[in-house]
Amino acid sequence: MMNDMSMHGTSMHGSPMLGSPMLSLKKARRCALQIVPMSLMLVLFATCALKAEERLVAVGNLIYAGDKTSVCFSDRFLTTVATEASINTEKRMRAIRMGREDELMSVPFVVMNGNEAFALLPAERELLKRYLSSGGFLLASAGCSSEAWSASFKSELTGIFGADCFQPVPMTHPLFSTLFPVSDPSLSHGGTAEFSGVFVDGRLVCLFSKEGLNDTEHTQGCCCCGGNEIRSAEEIVADALVYALVN
């Protein structure tokens, strides 16, 4: 399901904004990895906790190909991550325009979903490549197992990162046990889901499923009536978010 959306913001140039979740996360990692006396570590931990309260982790619901976006992707995983991993998250996904640098670079994790063919704009392709190459993470799945959407998505990513950019992501990959151990991603109409991904410098930056990760059971007015949906979608999306934040 697609919907026209509009937003307002100011453009910026260069690397992610100071104070962005990506840069805050990197600072927190450096802070935690320092070898310091226990008393100082406790102070640093408290400081990082206070900063986490000041800026919640935000997740973007991408607006792409000009005006296309998902309106049937559950954001319940955000509450799940907050509860199970004690990570302060915003409770709803933000609408993020792929073609706006200030918006895209302000979130560490974005969701891309749809059920019809599409073509990205040149500016969107350029910014998506920069985003994924500088620490961002993209979770993508075809709504209701849309073959047209999957074909468009894979065509766009191979155009950006090369013909061989997609690699299998087996269930033994650390992502699938980051928060919830998922070993058998069964589908709503039978079968088992398979995943592929894009790696940049050995880092998984995009997880893709041709089956739905929408978790429509926890959405209003939506269903995956004509296609398969992954039963453990909520757990997998939660795993992906935590994995992206710590890697």
C-alpha atoms as a PDB file:
ATOM      1  CA  MET A   1       0.000   0.000   0.000  1.00  0.00           C
ATOM      2  CA  MET A   2       1.464   3.364  -0.943  1.00  0.00           C
ATOM      3  CA  ASN A   3       0.594   6.836   0.191  1.00  0.00           C
ATOM      4  CA  ASP A   4       1.582  10.397  -0.807  1.00  0.00           C
ATOM      5  CA  MET A   5       3.315  12.203   2.030  1.00  0.00           C
ATOM      6  CA  SER A   6       4.992  15.591   2.446  1.00  0.00           C
ATOM      7  CA  MET A   7       7.384  16.945   5.055  1.00  0.00           C
ATOM      8  CA  HIS A   8       9.339  20.107   5.721  1.00  0.00           C
ATOM      9  CA  GLY A   9      12.983  20.443   6.656  1.00  0.00           C
ATOM     10  CA  THR A  10      16.187  22.267   5.862  1.00  0.00           C
ATOM     11  CA  SER A  11      18.891  20.795   3.684  1.00  0.00           C
ATOM     12  CA  MET A  12      22.479  20.325   4.756  1.00  0.00           C
ATOM     13  CA  HIS A  13      25.684  19.175   3.154  1.00  0.00           C
ATOM     14  CA  GLY A  14      28.479  16.851   4.196  1.00  0.00           C
ATOM     15  CA  SER A  15      28.600  14.208   6.904  1.00  0.00           C
ATOM     16  CA  PRO A  16      25.855  13.411   9.481  1.00  0.00           C
ATOM     17  CA  MET A  17      24.862  16.267  11.781  1.00  0.00           C
ATOM     18  CA  LEU A  18      26.590  16.685  15.121  1.00  0.00           C
ATOM     19  CA  GLY A  19      24.366  15.249  17.798  1.00  0.00           C
ATOM     20  CA  SER A  20      22.784  12.790  15.372  1.00  0.00           C
ATOM     21  CA  PRO A  21      21.979   9.271  16.673  1.00  0.00           C
ATOM     22  CA  MET A  22      24.768   7.840  14.490  1.00  0.00           C
ATOM     23  CA  LEU A  23      27.441  10.097  15.942  1.00  0.00           C
ATOM     24  CA  SER A  24      26.061   9.777  19.491  1.00  0.00           C
ATOM     25  CA  LEU A  25      26.214   6.003  19.154  1.00  0.00           C
ATOM     26  CA  LYS A  26      29.835   6.106  18.013  1.00  0.00           C
ATOM     27  CA  LYS A  27      30.711   8.300  20.993  1.00  0.00           C
ATOM     28  CA  ALA A  28      28.983   5.870  23.331  1.00  0.00           C
ATOM     29  CA  ARG A  29      30.950   2.941  21.840  1.00  0.00           C
ATOM     30  CA  ARG A  30      34.264   4.726  22.335  1.00  0.00           C
ATOM     31  CA  CYS A  31      33.235   5.603  25.867  1.00  0.00           C
ATOM     32  CA  ALA A  32      32.359   2.020  26.781  1.00  0.00           C
ATOM     33  CA  LEU A  33      35.531   0.534  25.299  1.00  0.00           C
ATOM     34  CA  GLN A  34      37.965   2.656  27.291  1.00  0.00           C
ATOM     35  CA  ILE A  35      39.829   0.854  30.070  1.00  0.00           C
ATOM     36  CA  VAL A  36      39.278   3.005  33.174  1.00  0.00           C
ATOM     37  CA  PRO A  37      38.887   2.535  36.938  1.00  0.00           C
ATOM     38  CA  MET A  38      35.527   1.140  38.002  1.00  0.00           C
ATOM     39  CA  SER A  39      34.451   4.368  39.721  1.00  0.00           C
ATOM     40  CA  LEU A  40      35.069   6.370  36.560  1.00  0.00           C
ATOM     41  CA  MET A  41      33.323   3.701  34.481  1.00  0.00           C
ATOM     42  CA  LEU A  42      30.207   4.110  36.622  1.00  0.00           C
ATOM     43  CA  VAL A  43      30.281   7.859  36.062  1.00  0.00           C
ATOM     44  CA  LEU A  44      30.670   7.366  32.304  1.00  0.00           C
ATOM     45  CA  PHE A  45      27.851   4.842  32.273  1.00  0.00           C
ATOM     46  CA  ALA A  46      25.542   7.272  34.074  1.00  0.00           C
ATOM     47  CA  THR A  47      26.523  10.059  31.672  1.00  0.00           C
ATOM     48  CA  CYS A  48      25.782   7.872  28.646  1.00  0.00           C
ATOM     49  CA  ALA A  49      22.433   6.909  30.190  1.00  0.00           C
ATOM     50  CA  LEU A  50      21.491  10.543  30.676  1.00  0.00           C
ATOM     51  CA  LYS A  51      22.404  11.325  27.075  1.00  0.00           C
ATOM     52  CA  ALA A  52      20.270   8.382  25.928  1.00  0.00           C
ATOM     53  CA  GLU A  53      17.314   9.895  27.755  1.00  0.00           C
ATOM     54  CA  GLU A  54      17.911  13.244  26.086  1.00  0.00           C
ATOM     55  CA  ARG A  55      17.926  11.747  22.585  1.00  0.00           C
ATOM     56  CA  LEU A  56      15.824   8.689  21.862  1.00  0.00           C
ATOM     57  CA  VAL A  57      16.860   6.278  19.114  1.00  0.00           C
ATOM     58  CA  ALA A  58      14.772   7.104  16.051  1.00  0.00           C
ATOM     59  CA  VAL A  59      13.893   4.748  13.190  1.00  0.00           C
ATOM     60  CA  GLY A  60      12.851   5.965   9.760  1.00  0.00           C
ATOM     61  CA  ASN A  61      10.029   4.772   7.523  1.00  0.00           C
ATOM     62  CA  LEU A  62      11.404   5.714   4.117  1.00  0.00           C
ATOM     63  CA  ILE A  63       9.587   7.821   1.576  1.00  0.00           C
ATOM     64  CA  TYR A  64      11.207   6.887  -1.733  1.00  0.00           C
ATOM     65  CA  ALA A  65      10.711   7.167  -5.506  1.00  0.00           C
ATOM     66  CA  GLY A  66       9.327  10.607  -4.803  1.00  0.00           C
ATOM     67  CA  ASP A  67       6.165   9.750  -2.862  1.00  0.00           C
ATOM     68  CA  LYS A  68       6.057   6.022  -2.110  1.00  0.00           C
ATOM     69  CA  THR A  69       6.167   4.646   1.430  1.00  0.00           C
ATOM     70  CA  SER A  70       4.835   1.856   3.586  1.00  0.00           C
ATOM     71  CA  VAL A  71       1.626   2.396   5.523  1.00  0.00           C
ATOM     72  CA  CYS A  72       1.327  -1.204   6.728  1.00  0.00           C
ATOM     73  CA  PHE A  73       4.603  -1.837   8.563  1.00  0.00           C
ATOM     74  CA  SER A  74       4.140  -2.313  12.302  1.00  0.00           C
ATOM     75  CA  ASP A  75       6.336  -0.247  14.610  1.00  0.00           C
ATOM     76  CA  ARG A  76       5.607  -2.447  17.617  1.00  0.00           C
ATOM     77  CA  PHE A  77       9.229  -3.668  17.421  1.00  0.00           C
ATOM     78  CA  LEU A  78      10.298  -0.279  18.816  1.00  0.00           C
ATOM     79  CA  THR A  79       8.452  -0.895  22.076  1.00  0.00           C
ATOM     80  CA  THR A  80       9.803  -4.448  22.136  1.00  0.00           C
ATOM     81  CA  VAL A  81      13.399  -3.227  21.824  1.00  0.00           C
ATOM     82  CA  ALA A  82      12.835  -0.620  24.521  1.00  0.00           C
ATOM     83  CA  THR A  83      11.416  -3.248  26.884  1.00  0.00           C
ATOM     84  CA  GLU A  84      13.694  -6.191  26.159  1.00  0.00           C
ATOM     85  CA  ALA A  85      16.988  -4.401  25.471  1.00  0.00           C
ATOM     86  CA  SER A  86      16.534  -1.292  27.650  1.00  0.00           C
ATOM     87  CA  ILE A  87      17.273   0.924  24.644  1.00  0.00           C
ATOM     88  CA  ASN A  88      15.390   4.205  24.675  1.00  0.00           C
ATOM     89  CA  THR A  89      13.515   4.328  21.377  1.00  0.00           C
ATOM     90  CA  GLU A  90      10.889   6.565  19.917  1.00  0.00           C
ATOM     91  CA  LYS A  91       7.588   4.690  19.930  1.00  0.00           C
ATOM     92  CA  ARG A  92       6.712   5.447  16.309  1.00  0.00           C
ATOM     93  CA  MET A  93       8.766   5.419  13.133  1.00  0.00           C
ATOM     94  CA  ARG A  94       9.540   8.775  11.572  1.00  0.00           C
ATOM     95  CA  ALA A  95       8.635   9.522   7.975  1.00  0.00           C
ATOM     96  CA  ILE A  96      12.052  10.052   6.332  1.00  0.00           C
ATOM     97  CA  ARG A  97      12.550  11.218   2.774  1.00  0.00           C
ATOM     98  CA  MET A  98      15.348   9.267   1.111  1.00  0.00           C
ATOM     99  CA  GLY A  99      16.207  12.243  -1.057  1.00  0.00           C
ATOM    100  CA  ARG A 100      16.766  14.642   1.864  1.00  0.00           C
ATOM    101  CA  GLU A 101      20.233  14.405   3.380  1.00  0.00           C
ATOM    102  CA  ASP A 102      19.327  16.134   6.639  1.00  0.00           C
ATOM    103  CA  GLU A 103      16.458  13.688   7.222  1.00  0.00           C
ATOM    104  CA  LEU A 104      18.172  10.469   6.102  1.00  0.00           C
ATOM    105  CA  MET A 105      21.387  11.115   8.023  1.00  0.00           C
ATOM    106  CA  SER A 106      19.484  11.878  11.240  1.00  0.00           C
ATOM    107  CA  VAL A 107      18.483   8.232  11.906  1.00  0.00           C
ATOM    108  CA  PRO A 108      20.687   5.113  12.238  1.00  0.00           C
ATOM    109  CA  PHE A 109      18.119   2.619  10.929  1.00  0.00           C
ATOM    110  CA  VAL A 110      15.489   2.837   8.175  1.00  0.00           C
ATOM    111  CA  VAL A 111      12.711   0.568   6.909  1.00  0.00           C
ATOM    112  CA  MET A 112      11.779   0.286   3.222  1.00  0.00           C
ATOM    113  CA  ASN A 113       8.666  -1.603   2.183  1.00  0.00           C
ATOM    114  CA  GLY A 114       6.084  -1.664  -0.594  1.00  0.00           C
ATOM    115  CA  ASN A 115       4.076  -3.784  -2.989  1.00  0.00           C
ATOM    116  CA  GLU A 116       4.517  -2.329  -6.479  1.00  0.00           C
ATOM    117  CA  ALA A 117       7.301  -1.574  -8.941  1.00  0.00           C
ATOM    118  CA  PHE A 118       9.267   1.644  -8.447  1.00  0.00           C
ATOM    119  CA  ALA A 119      12.339   3.551  -9.572  1.00  0.00           C
ATOM    120  CA  LEU A 120      14.465   5.680  -7.267  1.00  0.00           C
ATOM    121  CA  LEU A 121      15.369   9.241  -8.178  1.00  0.00           C
ATOM    122  CA  PRO A 122      19.058   9.981  -8.911  1.00  0.00           C
ATOM    123  CA  ALA A 123      19.450  12.005  -5.699  1.00  0.00           C
ATOM    124  CA  GLU A 124      17.913   9.151  -3.696  1.00  0.00           C
ATOM    125  CA  ARG A 125      20.404   6.645  -5.116  1.00  0.00           C
ATOM    126  CA  GLU A 126      23.338   8.894  -4.290  1.00  0.00           C
ATOM    127  CA  LEU A 127      22.207   9.554  -0.723  1.00  0.00           C
ATOM    128  CA  LEU A 128      21.289   5.922  -0.025  1.00  0.00           C
ATOM    129  CA  LYS A 129      24.792   4.826  -1.037  1.00  0.00           C
ATOM    130  CA  ARG A 130      26.345   7.476   1.194  1.00  0.00           C
ATOM    131  CA  TYR A 131      24.034   6.574   4.075  1.00  0.00           C
ATOM    132  CA  LEU A 132      24.821   2.842   3.970  1.00  0.00           C
ATOM    133  CA  SER A 133      28.535   3.482   3.475  1.00  0.00           C
ATOM    134  CA  SER A 134      28.758   5.744   6.524  1.00  0.00           C
ATOM    135  CA  GLY A 135      27.077   3.632   9.212  1.00  0.00           C
ATOM    136  CA  GLY A 136      23.369   3.520   8.362  1.00  0.00           C
ATOM    137  CA  PHE A 137      21.320   0.313   8.147  1.00  0.00           C
ATOM    138  CA  LEU A 138      18.444  -0.529   5.784  1.00  0.00           C
ATOM    139  CA  LEU A 139      15.813  -3.188   6.471  1.00  0.00           C
ATOM    140  CA  ALA A 140      13.819  -3.962   3.312  1.00  0.00           C
ATOM    141  CA  SER A 141      10.985  -6.373   2.600  1.00  0.00           C
ATOM    142  CA  ALA A 142       8.311  -6.791  -0.031  1.00  0.00           C
ATOM    143  CA  GLY A 143       4.812  -6.205   1.263  1.00  0.00           C
ATOM    144  CA  CYS A 144       2.610  -9.270   0.697  1.00  0.00           C
ATOM    145  CA  SER A 145       5.475 -11.000  -1.133  1.00  0.00           C
ATOM    146  CA  SER A 146       5.265  -8.567  -4.050  1.00  0.00           C
ATOM    147  CA  GLU A 147       7.520  -9.877  -6.821  1.00  0.00           C
ATOM    148  CA  ALA A 148       7.363  -6.536  -8.640  1.00  0.00           C
ATOM    149  CA  TRP A 149       8.614  -4.638  -5.592  1.00  0.00           C
ATOM    150  CA  SER A 150      11.372  -7.176  -4.908  1.00  0.00           C
ATOM    151  CA  ALA A 151      12.568  -6.968  -8.515  1.00  0.00           C
ATOM    152  CA  SER A 152      12.673  -3.162  -8.370  1.00  0.00           C
ATOM    153  CA  PHE A 153      14.506  -3.155  -5.041  1.00  0.00           C
ATOM    154  CA  LYS A 154      17.175  -5.605  -6.138  1.00  0.00           C
ATOM    155  CA  SER A 155      17.621  -3.749  -9.416  1.00  0.00           C
ATOM    156  CA  GLU A 156      18.139  -0.448  -7.591  1.00  0.00           C
ATOM    157  CA  LEU A 157      20.631  -1.840  -5.061  1.00  0.00           C
ATOM    158  CA  THR A 158      22.665  -3.685  -7.695  1.00  0.00           C
ATOM    159  CA  GLY A 159      22.740  -0.472  -9.703  1.00  0.00           C
ATOM    160  CA  ILE A 160      24.194   1.296  -6.665  1.00  0.00           C
ATOM    161  CA  PHE A 161      26.560  -1.347  -5.258  1.00  0.00           C
ATOM    162  CA  GLY A 162      27.223  -3.660  -8.206  1.00  0.00           C
ATOM    163  CA  ALA A 163      25.785  -6.808  -9.754  1.00  0.00           C
ATOM    164  CA  ASP A 164      27.134  -9.129  -7.061  1.00  0.00           C
ATOM    165  CA  CYS A 165      26.270  -6.986  -4.043  1.00  0.00           C
ATOM    166  CA  PHE A 166      23.587  -9.324  -2.650  1.00  0.00           C
ATOM    167  CA  GLN A 167      24.850 -12.239  -0.567  1.00  0.00           C
ATOM    168  CA  PRO A 168      22.892 -14.877   1.373  1.00  0.00           C
ATOM    169  CA  VAL A 169      22.421 -14.106   5.063  1.00  0.00           C
ATOM    170  CA  PRO A 170      22.000 -17.482   6.799  1.00  0.00           C
ATOM    171  CA  MET A 171      20.067 -17.933  10.033  1.00  0.00           C
ATOM    172  CA  THR A 172      23.414 -18.571  11.741  1.00  0.00           C
ATOM    173  CA  HIS A 173      24.359 -14.923  11.191  1.00  0.00           C
ATOM    174  CA  PRO A 174      24.752 -13.055  14.526  1.00  0.00           C
ATOM    175  CA  LEU A 175      21.901 -10.697  13.610  1.00  0.00           C
ATOM    176  CA  PHE A 176      19.330 -13.440  14.174  1.00  0.00           C
ATOM    177  CA  SER A 177      20.375 -13.968  17.773  1.00  0.00           C
ATOM    178  CA  THR A 178      21.128 -10.411  18.839  1.00  0.00           C
ATOM    179  CA  LEU A 179      18.039 -10.062  21.037  1.00  0.00           C
ATOM    180  CA  PHE A 180      15.763 -12.994  20.166  1.00  0.00           C
ATOM    181  CA  PRO A 181      17.139 -16.318  18.890  1.00  0.00           C
ATOM    182  CA  VAL A 182      15.379 -16.983  15.577  1.00  0.00           C
ATOM    183  CA  SER A 183      16.341 -20.166  13.750  1.00  0.00           C
ATOM    184  CA  ASP A 184      13.183 -21.133  11.862  1.00  0.00           C
ATOM    185  CA  PRO A 185      11.471 -18.124  10.211  1.00  0.00           C
ATOM    186  CA  SER A 186       8.301 -19.905   9.106  1.00  0.00           C
ATOM    187  CA  LEU A 187       5.855 -18.253   6.721  1.00  0.00           C
ATOM    188  CA  SER A 188       2.151 -17.669   7.263  1.00  0.00           C
ATOM    189  CA  HIS A 189       1.163 -19.819   4.249  1.00  0.00           C
ATOM    190  CA  GLY A 190       3.839 -22.474   4.625  1.00  0.00           C
ATOM    191  CA  GLY A 191       7.537 -22.638   3.916  1.00  0.00           C
ATOM    192  CA  THR A 192      10.550 -20.913   5.415  1.00  0.00           C
ATOM    193  CA  ALA A 193      11.868 -17.429   4.712  1.00  0.00           C
ATOM    194  CA  GLU A 194      15.309 -16.824   3.263  1.00  0.00           C
ATOM    195  CA  PHE A 195      17.300 -13.617   3.601  1.00  0.00           C
ATOM    196  CA  SER A 196      19.947 -11.837   1.597  1.00  0.00           C
ATOM    197  CA  GLY A 197      21.902  -8.708   2.278  1.00  0.00           C
ATOM    198  CA  VAL A 198      24.351  -6.098   1.109  1.00  0.00           C
ATOM    199  CA  PHE A 199      27.756  -5.842   2.781  1.00  0.00           C
ATOM    200  CA  VAL A 200      30.066  -2.825   2.723  1.00  0.00           C
ATOM    201  CA  ASP A 201      33.657  -3.455   3.847  1.00  0.00           C
ATOM    202  CA  GLY A 202      32.503  -6.678   5.491  1.00  0.00           C
ATOM    203  CA  ARG A 203      29.686  -4.977   7.415  1.00  0.00           C
ATOM    204  CA  LEU A 204      26.070  -5.979   6.823  1.00  0.00           C
ATOM    205  CA  VAL A 205      24.315  -2.722   5.901  1.00  0.00           C
ATOM    206  CA  CYS A 206      21.080  -4.021   4.373  1.00  0.00           C
ATOM    207  CA  LEU A 207      18.904  -7.015   5.227  1.00  0.00           C
ATOM    208  CA  PHE A 208      16.380  -7.960   2.543  1.00  0.00           C
ATOM    209  CA  SER A 209      13.450 -10.387   2.491  1.00  0.00           C
ATOM    210  CA  LYS A 210      11.203 -11.088  -0.484  1.00  0.00           C
ATOM    211  CA  GLU A 211       8.541 -12.074   2.067  1.00  0.00           C
ATOM    212  CA  GLY A 212       6.795  -9.576   4.299  1.00  0.00           C
ATOM    213  CA  LEU A 213       8.355  -8.396   7.567  1.00  0.00           C
ATOM    214  CA  ASN A 214       5.391  -6.071   8.063  1.00  0.00           C
ATOM    215  CA  ASP A 215       3.955  -7.809  11.159  1.00  0.00           C
ATOM    216  CA  THR A 216       0.460  -6.790  10.009  1.00  0.00           C
ATOM    217  CA  GLU A 217      -1.043  -8.599  12.995  1.00  0.00           C
ATOM    218  CA  HIS A 218      -0.053  -5.551  15.005  1.00  0.00           C
ATOM    219  CA  THR A 219      -1.236  -2.912  12.522  1.00  0.00           C
ATOM    220  CA  GLN A 220      -4.668  -1.375  12.043  1.00  0.00           C
ATOM    221  CA  GLY A 221      -6.625  -1.892   8.846  1.00  0.00           C
ATOM    222  CA  CYS A 222      -3.888  -3.972   7.184  1.00  0.00           C
ATOM    223  CA  CYS A 223      -3.485  -7.605   6.249  1.00  0.00           C
ATOM    224  CA  CYS A 224      -1.133  -9.690   4.147  1.00  0.00           C
ATOM    225  CA  CYS A 225      -4.050 -11.510   2.576  1.00  0.00           C
ATOM    226  CA  GLY A 226      -2.557 -12.408  -0.782  1.00  0.00           C
ATOM    227  CA  GLY A 227       1.025 -13.220   0.119  1.00  0.00           C
ATOM    228  CA  ASN A 228       3.278 -14.815   2.650  1.00  0.00           C
ATOM    229  CA  GLU A 229       4.394 -13.048   5.794  1.00  0.00           C
ATOM    230  CA  ILE A 230       7.129 -14.066   8.212  1.00  0.00           C
ATOM    231  CA  ARG A 231       5.559 -15.190  11.485  1.00  0.00           C
ATOM    232  CA  SER A 232       8.496 -14.036  13.602  1.00  0.00           C
ATOM    233  CA  ALA A 233       8.657 -10.633  11.894  1.00  0.00           C
ATOM    234  CA  GLU A 234       8.550  -8.620  15.121  1.00  0.00           C
ATOM    235  CA  GLU A 235      11.477 -10.547  16.616  1.00  0.00           C
ATOM    236  CA  ILE A 236      13.571 -10.347  13.422  1.00  0.00           C
ATOM    237  CA  VAL A 237      13.050  -6.602  13.002  1.00  0.00           C
ATOM    238  CA  ALA A 238      13.913  -6.087  16.685  1.00  0.00           C
ATOM    239  CA  ASP A 239      17.064  -8.185  16.205  1.00  0.00           C
ATOM    240  CA  ALA A 240      18.026  -6.132  13.152  1.00  0.00           C
ATOM    241  CA  LEU A 241      17.638  -2.824  14.977  1.00  0.00           C
ATOM    242  CA  VAL A 242      19.753  -3.883  17.961  1.00  0.00           C
ATOM    243  CA  TYR A 243      22.352  -5.444  15.645  1.00  0.00           C
ATOM    244  CA  ALA A 244      22.586  -2.206  13.655  1.00  0.00           C
ATOM    245  CA  LEU A 245      23.061  -0.153  16.805  1.00  0.00           C
ATOM    246  CA  VAL A 246      25.916  -2.246  18.204  1.00  0.00           C
ATOM    247  CA  ASN A 247      27.811  -3.028  14.977  1.00  0.00           C
END
